[in-house]
Amino acid sequence: MAVPYRRKPKSKSRIRRAANNKITLPELSICPNCGTKKLPHRVCLKCGYYKGRVVIDVEKFEHRFKYL
């Protein structure tokens, strides 16, 4: 049988909620062309390759990628 919600301490419900709010880092894959880490299914920002072909010209868009 369930316990009335007012009889439970606040800490118990907060602990239960906090268990689902963990911050996780995104999984990173390695670019097969240059070897840097990148997000999966995204263009590599270092070399501009995706699935073995050039998608973006990195020299042209260097000012957009400040964190390279």
PDB file of N, CA and C in Angstrom:
ATOM      1  N   MET A   1       0.836  -1.167   0.000  1.00  0.00           N
ATOM      2  CA  MET A   1       0.000   0.000   0.000  1.00  0.00           C
ATOM      3  C   MET A   1       0.886   1.237   0.000  1.00  0.00           C
ATOM      4  N   ALA A   2       0.450   2.260  -0.670  1.00  0.00           N
ATOM      5  CA  ALA A   2       1.240   3.479  -0.797  1.00  0.00           C
ATOM      6  C   ALA A   2       1.172   4.311   0.477  1.00  0.00           C
ATOM      7  N   VAL A   3       2.256   5.067   0.702  1.00  0.00           N
ATOM      8  CA  VAL A   3       2.325   5.955   1.853  1.00  0.00           C
ATOM      9  C   VAL A   3       1.839   7.337   1.415  1.00  0.00           C
ATOM     10  N   PRO A   4       1.032   8.009   2.215  1.00  0.00           N
ATOM     11  CA  PRO A   4       0.597   9.353   1.840  1.00  0.00           C
ATOM     12  C   PRO A   4       1.794  10.275   1.624  1.00  0.00           C
ATOM     13  N   TYR A   5       1.719  11.138   0.619  1.00  0.00           N
ATOM     14  CA  TYR A   5       2.876  11.932   0.218  1.00  0.00           C
ATOM     15  C   TYR A   5       3.302  12.909   1.306  1.00  0.00           C
ATOM     16  N   ARG A   6       2.437  13.301   2.203  1.00  0.00           N
ATOM     17  CA  ARG A   6       2.823  14.225   3.269  1.00  0.00           C
ATOM     18  C   ARG A   6       3.602  13.521   4.382  1.00  0.00           C
ATOM     19  N   ARG A   7       3.543  12.198   4.425  1.00  0.00           N
ATOM     20  CA  ARG A   7       4.262  11.469   5.470  1.00  0.00           C
ATOM     21  C   ARG A   7       5.724  11.205   5.076  1.00  0.00           C
ATOM     22  N   LYS A   8       6.059  11.358   3.815  1.00  0.00           N
ATOM     23  CA  LYS A   8       7.437  11.128   3.373  1.00  0.00           C
ATOM     24  C   LYS A   8       8.263  12.383   3.622  1.00  0.00           C
ATOM     25  N   PRO A   9       9.512  12.223   4.071  1.00  0.00           N
ATOM     26  CA  PRO A   9      10.368  13.395   4.231  1.00  0.00           C
ATOM     27  C   PRO A   9      10.724  13.994   2.871  1.00  0.00           C
ATOM     28  N   LYS A  10      10.957  15.293   2.870  1.00  0.00           N
ATOM     29  CA  LYS A  10      11.303  15.970   1.620  1.00  0.00           C
ATOM     30  C   LYS A  10      12.607  15.440   1.045  1.00  0.00           C
ATOM     31  N   SER A  11      13.514  15.058   1.910  1.00  0.00           N
ATOM     32  CA  SER A  11      14.812  14.592   1.432  1.00  0.00           C
ATOM     33  C   SER A  11      14.685  13.315   0.610  1.00  0.00           C
ATOM     34  N   LYS A  12      13.758  12.441   0.972  1.00  0.00           N
ATOM     35  CA  LYS A  12      13.594  11.192   0.229  1.00  0.00           C
ATOM     36  C   LYS A  12      13.128  11.454  -1.198  1.00  0.00           C
ATOM     37  N   SER A  13      12.166  12.351  -1.347  1.00  0.00           N
ATOM     38  CA  SER A  13      11.695  12.641  -2.702  1.00  0.00           C
ATOM     39  C   SER A  13      12.733  13.414  -3.490  1.00  0.00           C
ATOM     40  N   ARG A  14      13.515  14.253  -2.834  1.00  0.00           N
ATOM     41  CA  ARG A  14      14.559  15.002  -3.533  1.00  0.00           C
ATOM     42  C   ARG A  14      15.701  14.095  -3.972  1.00  0.00           C
ATOM     43  N   ILE A  15      16.026  13.113  -3.144  1.00  0.00           N
ATOM     44  CA  ILE A  15      17.058  12.148  -3.526  1.00  0.00           C
ATOM     45  C   ILE A  15      16.605  11.350  -4.751  1.00  0.00           C
ATOM     46  N   ARG A  16      15.342  10.946  -4.762  1.00  0.00           N
ATOM     47  CA  ARG A  16      14.805  10.188  -5.876  1.00  0.00           C
ATOM     48  C   ARG A  16      14.826  11.011  -7.165  1.00  0.00           C
ATOM     49  N   ARG A  17      14.472  12.277  -7.071  1.00  0.00           N
ATOM     50  CA  ARG A  17      14.480  13.139  -8.261  1.00  0.00           C
ATOM     51  C   ARG A  17      15.893  13.420  -8.735  1.00  0.00           C
ATOM     52  N   ALA A  18      16.817  13.607  -7.798  1.00  0.00           N
ATOM     53  CA  ALA A  18      18.192  13.945  -8.158  1.00  0.00           C
ATOM     54  C   ALA A  18      18.905  12.803  -8.867  1.00  0.00           C
ATOM     55  N   ALA A  19      18.468  11.579  -8.651  1.00  0.00           N
ATOM     56  CA  ALA A  19      19.111  10.435  -9.285  1.00  0.00           C
ATOM     57  C   ALA A  19      18.950  10.469 -10.799  1.00  0.00           C
ATOM     58  N   ASN A  20      17.921  11.118 -11.303  1.00  0.00           N
ATOM     59  CA  ASN A  20      17.681  11.174 -12.741  1.00  0.00           C
ATOM     60  C   ASN A  20      18.228  12.435 -13.386  1.00  0.00           C
ATOM     61  N   ASN A  21      18.829  13.327 -12.606  1.00  0.00           N
ATOM     62  CA  ASN A  21      19.313  14.586 -13.139  1.00  0.00           C
ATOM     63  C   ASN A  21      20.828  14.665 -13.190  1.00  0.00           C
ATOM     64  N   LYS A  22      21.489  13.549 -13.369  1.00  0.00           N
ATOM     65  CA  LYS A  22      22.935  13.544 -13.429  1.00  0.00           C
ATOM     66  C   LYS A  22      23.398  14.145 -14.752  1.00  0.00           C
ATOM     67  N   ILE A  23      24.447  14.943 -14.682  1.00  0.00           N
ATOM     68  CA  ILE A  23      25.021  15.525 -15.888  1.00  0.00           C
ATOM     69  C   ILE A  23      26.044  14.542 -16.449  1.00  0.00           C
ATOM     70  N   THR A  24      25.891  14.196 -17.709  1.00  0.00           N
ATOM     71  CA  THR A  24      26.815  13.283 -18.352  1.00  0.00           C
ATOM     72  C   THR A  24      27.485  13.986 -19.523  1.00  0.00           C
ATOM     73  N   LEU A  25      28.726  13.640 -19.758  1.00  0.00           N
ATOM     74  CA  LEU A  25      29.444  14.189 -20.892  1.00  0.00           C
ATOM     75  C   LEU A  25      29.023  13.462 -22.157  1.00  0.00           C
ATOM     76  N   PRO A  26      29.000  14.160 -23.290  1.00  0.00           N
ATOM     77  CA  PRO A  26      28.624  13.476 -24.528  1.00  0.00           C
ATOM     78  C   PRO A  26      29.711  12.494 -24.955  1.00  0.00           C
ATOM     79  N   GLU A  27      29.287  11.426 -25.557  1.00  0.00           N
ATOM     80  CA  GLU A  27      30.238  10.451 -26.070  1.00  0.00           C
ATOM     81  C   GLU A  27      30.917  11.048 -27.301  1.00  0.00           C
ATOM     82  N   LEU A  28      32.228  10.924 -27.361  1.00  0.00           N
ATOM     83  CA  LEU A  28      32.990  11.479 -28.469  1.00  0.00           C
ATOM     84  C   LEU A  28      33.548  10.351 -29.307  1.00  0.00           C
ATOM     85  N   SER A  29      33.555  10.566 -30.625  1.00  0.00           N
ATOM     86  CA  SER A  29      34.180   9.610 -31.524  1.00  0.00           C
ATOM     87  C   SER A  29      35.435  10.248 -32.099  1.00  0.00           C
ATOM     88  N   ILE A  30      36.264   9.462 -32.735  1.00  0.00           N
ATOM     89  CA  ILE A  30      37.521   9.941 -33.295  1.00  0.00           C
ATOM     90  C   ILE A  30      37.357  10.093 -34.800  1.00  0.00           C
ATOM     91  N   CYS A  31      37.791  11.232 -35.305  1.00  0.00           N
ATOM     92  CA  CYS A  31      37.724  11.496 -36.744  1.00  0.00           C
ATOM     93  C   CYS A  31      38.712  10.572 -37.455  1.00  0.00           C
ATOM     94  N   PRO A  32      38.254   9.796 -38.445  1.00  0.00           N
ATOM     95  CA  PRO A  32      39.180   8.887 -39.127  1.00  0.00           C
ATOM     96  C   PRO A  32      40.183   9.619 -40.018  1.00  0.00           C
ATOM     97  N   ASN A  33      39.899  10.866 -40.362  1.00  0.00           N
ATOM     98  CA  ASN A  33      40.795  11.608 -41.246  1.00  0.00           C
ATOM     99  C   ASN A  33      41.947  12.258 -40.483  1.00  0.00           C
ATOM    100  N   CYS A  34      41.630  13.000 -39.404  1.00  0.00           N
ATOM    101  CA  CYS A  34      42.686  13.734 -38.698  1.00  0.00           C
ATOM    102  C   CYS A  34      42.950  13.214 -37.293  1.00  0.00           C
ATOM    103  N   GLY A  35      42.060  12.400 -36.732  1.00  0.00           N
ATOM    104  CA  GLY A  35      42.295  11.791 -35.428  1.00  0.00           C
ATOM    105  C   GLY A  35      41.850  12.611 -34.237  1.00  0.00           C
ATOM    106  N   THR A  36      41.189  13.750 -34.433  1.00  0.00           N
ATOM    107  CA  THR A  36      40.714  14.538 -33.305  1.00  0.00           C
ATOM    108  C   THR A  36      39.375  14.004 -32.821  1.00  0.00           C
ATOM    109  N   LYS A  37      39.008  14.377 -31.624  1.00  0.00           N
ATOM    110  CA  LYS A  37      37.722  13.950 -31.077  1.00  0.00           C
ATOM    111  C   LYS A  37      36.622  14.853 -31.598  1.00  0.00           C
ATOM    112  N   LYS A  38      35.481  14.253 -31.916  1.00  0.00           N
ATOM    113  CA  LYS A  38      34.343  15.011 -32.425  1.00  0.00           C
ATOM    114  C   LYS A  38      33.066  14.334 -31.967  1.00  0.00           C
ATOM    115  N   LEU A  39      31.965  15.062 -32.070  1.00  0.00           N
ATOM    116  CA  LEU A  39      30.669  14.464 -31.770  1.00  0.00           C
ATOM    117  C   LEU A  39      30.293  13.496 -32.876  1.00  0.00           C
ATOM    118  N   PRO A  40      29.650  12.380 -32.547  1.00  0.00           N
ATOM    119  CA  PRO A  40      29.280  11.429 -33.589  1.00  0.00           C
ATOM    120  C   PRO A  40      28.212  11.991 -34.516  1.00  0.00           C
ATOM    121  N   HIS A  41      28.285  11.608 -35.765  1.00  0.00           N
ATOM    122  CA  HIS A  41      27.355  12.028 -36.815  1.00  0.00           C
ATOM    123  C   HIS A  41      27.406  13.534 -37.048  1.00  0.00           C
ATOM    124  N   ARG A  42      28.569  14.138 -36.843  1.00  0.00           N
ATOM    125  CA  ARG A  42      28.770  15.562 -37.084  1.00  0.00           C
ATOM    126  C   ARG A  42      30.024  15.743 -37.937  1.00  0.00           C
ATOM    127  N   VAL A  43      30.119  16.890 -38.583  1.00  0.00           N
ATOM    128  CA  VAL A  43      31.303  17.228 -39.355  1.00  0.00           C
ATOM    129  C   VAL A  43      32.452  17.507 -38.393  1.00  0.00           C
ATOM    130  N   CYS A  44      33.634  17.041 -38.737  1.00  0.00           N
ATOM    131  CA  CYS A  44      34.813  17.333 -37.934  1.00  0.00           C
ATOM    132  C   CYS A  44      35.159  18.807 -38.134  1.00  0.00           C
ATOM    133  N   LEU A  45      35.274  19.548 -37.033  1.00  0.00           N
ATOM    134  CA  LEU A  45      35.537  20.971 -37.135  1.00  0.00           C
ATOM    135  C   LEU A  45      37.004  21.280 -37.404  1.00  0.00           C
ATOM    136  N   LYS A  46      37.869  20.303 -37.253  1.00  0.00           N
ATOM    137  CA  LYS A  46      39.289  20.515 -37.486  1.00  0.00           C
ATOM    138  C   LYS A  46      39.654  20.368 -38.960  1.00  0.00           C
ATOM    139  N   CYS A  47      39.085  19.342 -39.624  1.00  0.00           N
ATOM    140  CA  CYS A  47      39.450  19.104 -41.021  1.00  0.00           C
ATOM    141  C   CYS A  47      38.282  19.299 -41.987  1.00  0.00           C
ATOM    142  N   GLY A  48      37.042  19.304 -41.505  1.00  0.00           N
ATOM    143  CA  GLY A  48      35.890  19.534 -42.377  1.00  0.00           C
ATOM    144  C   GLY A  48      35.361  18.291 -43.062  1.00  0.00           C
ATOM    145  N   TYR A  49      35.796  17.115 -42.630  1.00  0.00           N
ATOM    146  CA  TYR A  49      35.358  15.876 -43.267  1.00  0.00           C
ATOM    147  C   TYR A  49      34.171  15.263 -42.544  1.00  0.00           C
ATOM    148  N   TYR A  50      33.320  14.578 -43.318  1.00  0.00           N
ATOM    149  CA  TYR A  50      32.233  13.775 -42.769  1.00  0.00           C
ATOM    150  C   TYR A  50      32.009  12.610 -43.711  1.00  0.00           C
ATOM    151  N   LYS A  51      32.076  11.400 -43.190  1.00  0.00           N
ATOM    152  CA  LYS A  51      31.917  10.161 -43.949  1.00  0.00           C
ATOM    153  C   LYS A  51      32.878  10.076 -45.142  1.00  0.00           C
ATOM    154  N   GLY A  52      34.127  10.516 -44.912  1.00  0.00           N
ATOM    155  CA  GLY A  52      35.158  10.354 -45.924  1.00  0.00           C
ATOM    156  C   GLY A  52      35.171  11.395 -47.025  1.00  0.00           C
ATOM    157  N   ARG A  53      34.384  12.444 -46.919  1.00  0.00           N
ATOM    158  CA  ARG A  53      34.405  13.480 -47.954  1.00  0.00           C
ATOM    159  C   ARG A  53      34.393  14.859 -47.303  1.00  0.00           C
ATOM    160  N   VAL A  54      34.890  15.840 -48.041  1.00  0.00           N
ATOM    161  CA  VAL A  54      34.949  17.205 -47.524  1.00  0.00           C
ATOM    162  C   VAL A  54      33.559  17.811 -47.582  1.00  0.00           C
ATOM    163  N   VAL A  55      33.098  18.324 -46.459  1.00  0.00           N
ATOM    164  CA  VAL A  55      31.769  18.927 -46.386  1.00  0.00           C
ATOM    165  C   VAL A  55      31.874  20.442 -46.277  1.00  0.00           C
ATOM    166  N   ILE A  56      32.822  20.916 -45.455  1.00  0.00           N
ATOM    167  CA  ILE A  56      33.019  22.357 -45.314  1.00  0.00           C
ATOM    168  C   ILE A  56      34.483  22.699 -45.551  1.00  0.00           C
ATOM    169  N   ASP A  57      34.721  23.902 -46.039  1.00  0.00           N
ATOM    170  CA  ASP A  57      36.069  24.403 -46.213  1.00  0.00           C
ATOM    171  C   ASP A  57      36.458  25.107 -44.912  1.00  0.00           C
ATOM    172  N   VAL A  58      37.373  24.505 -44.168  1.00  0.00           N
ATOM    173  CA  VAL A  58      37.709  24.995 -42.832  1.00  0.00           C
ATOM    174  C   VAL A  58      38.380  26.366 -42.900  1.00  0.00           C
ATOM    175  N   GLU A  59      39.236  26.589 -43.887  1.00  0.00           N
ATOM    176  CA  GLU A  59      39.918  27.879 -43.996  1.00  0.00           C
ATOM    177  C   GLU A  59      38.923  29.012 -44.231  1.00  0.00           C
ATOM    178  N   LYS A  60      37.872  28.732 -44.959  1.00  0.00           N
ATOM    179  CA  LYS A  60      36.870  29.753 -45.268  1.00  0.00           C
ATOM    180  C   LYS A  60      36.042  30.122 -44.033  1.00  0.00           C
ATOM    181  N   PHE A  61      35.772  29.137 -43.152  1.00  0.00           N
ATOM    182  CA  PHE A  61      34.907  29.343 -41.998  1.00  0.00           C
ATOM    183  C   PHE A  61      35.661  29.337 -40.677  1.00  0.00           C
ATOM    184  N   GLU A  62      36.954  29.660 -40.684  1.00  0.00           N
ATOM    185  CA  GLU A  62      37.739  29.647 -39.447  1.00  0.00           C
ATOM    186  C   GLU A  62      37.234  30.644 -38.424  1.00  0.00           C
ATOM    187  N   HIS A  63      36.736  31.779 -38.867  1.00  0.00           N
ATOM    188  CA  HIS A  63      36.267  32.795 -37.927  1.00  0.00           C
ATOM    189  C   HIS A  63      35.019  32.348 -37.174  1.00  0.00           C
ATOM    190  N   ARG A  64      34.275  31.379 -37.703  1.00  0.00           N
ATOM    191  CA  ARG A  64      33.080  30.882 -37.017  1.00  0.00           C
ATOM    192  C   ARG A  64      33.417  29.894 -35.919  1.00  0.00           C
ATOM    193  N   PHE A  65      34.502  29.148 -36.095  1.00  0.00           N
ATOM    194  CA  PHE A  65      34.876  28.120 -35.131  1.00  0.00           C
ATOM    195  C   PHE A  65      35.983  28.666 -34.253  1.00  0.00           C
ATOM    196  N   LYS A  66      35.630  29.362 -33.203  1.00  0.00           N
ATOM    197  CA  LYS A  66      36.617  29.998 -32.345  1.00  0.00           C
ATOM    198  C   LYS A  66      37.284  29.014 -31.408  1.00  0.00           C
ATOM    199  N   TYR A  67      36.671  27.863 -31.177  1.00  0.00           N
ATOM    200  CA  TYR A  67      37.194  26.926 -30.192  1.00  0.00           C
ATOM    201  C   TYR A  67      38.057  25.853 -30.831  1.00  0.00           C
ATOM    202  N   LEU A  68      38.492  26.013 -32.070  1.00  0.00           N
ATOM    203  CA  LEU A  68      39.355  25.013 -32.708  1.00  0.00           C
ATOM    204  C   LEU A  68      40.743  25.058 -32.130  1.00  0.00           C
TER     205      LEU A  68
END
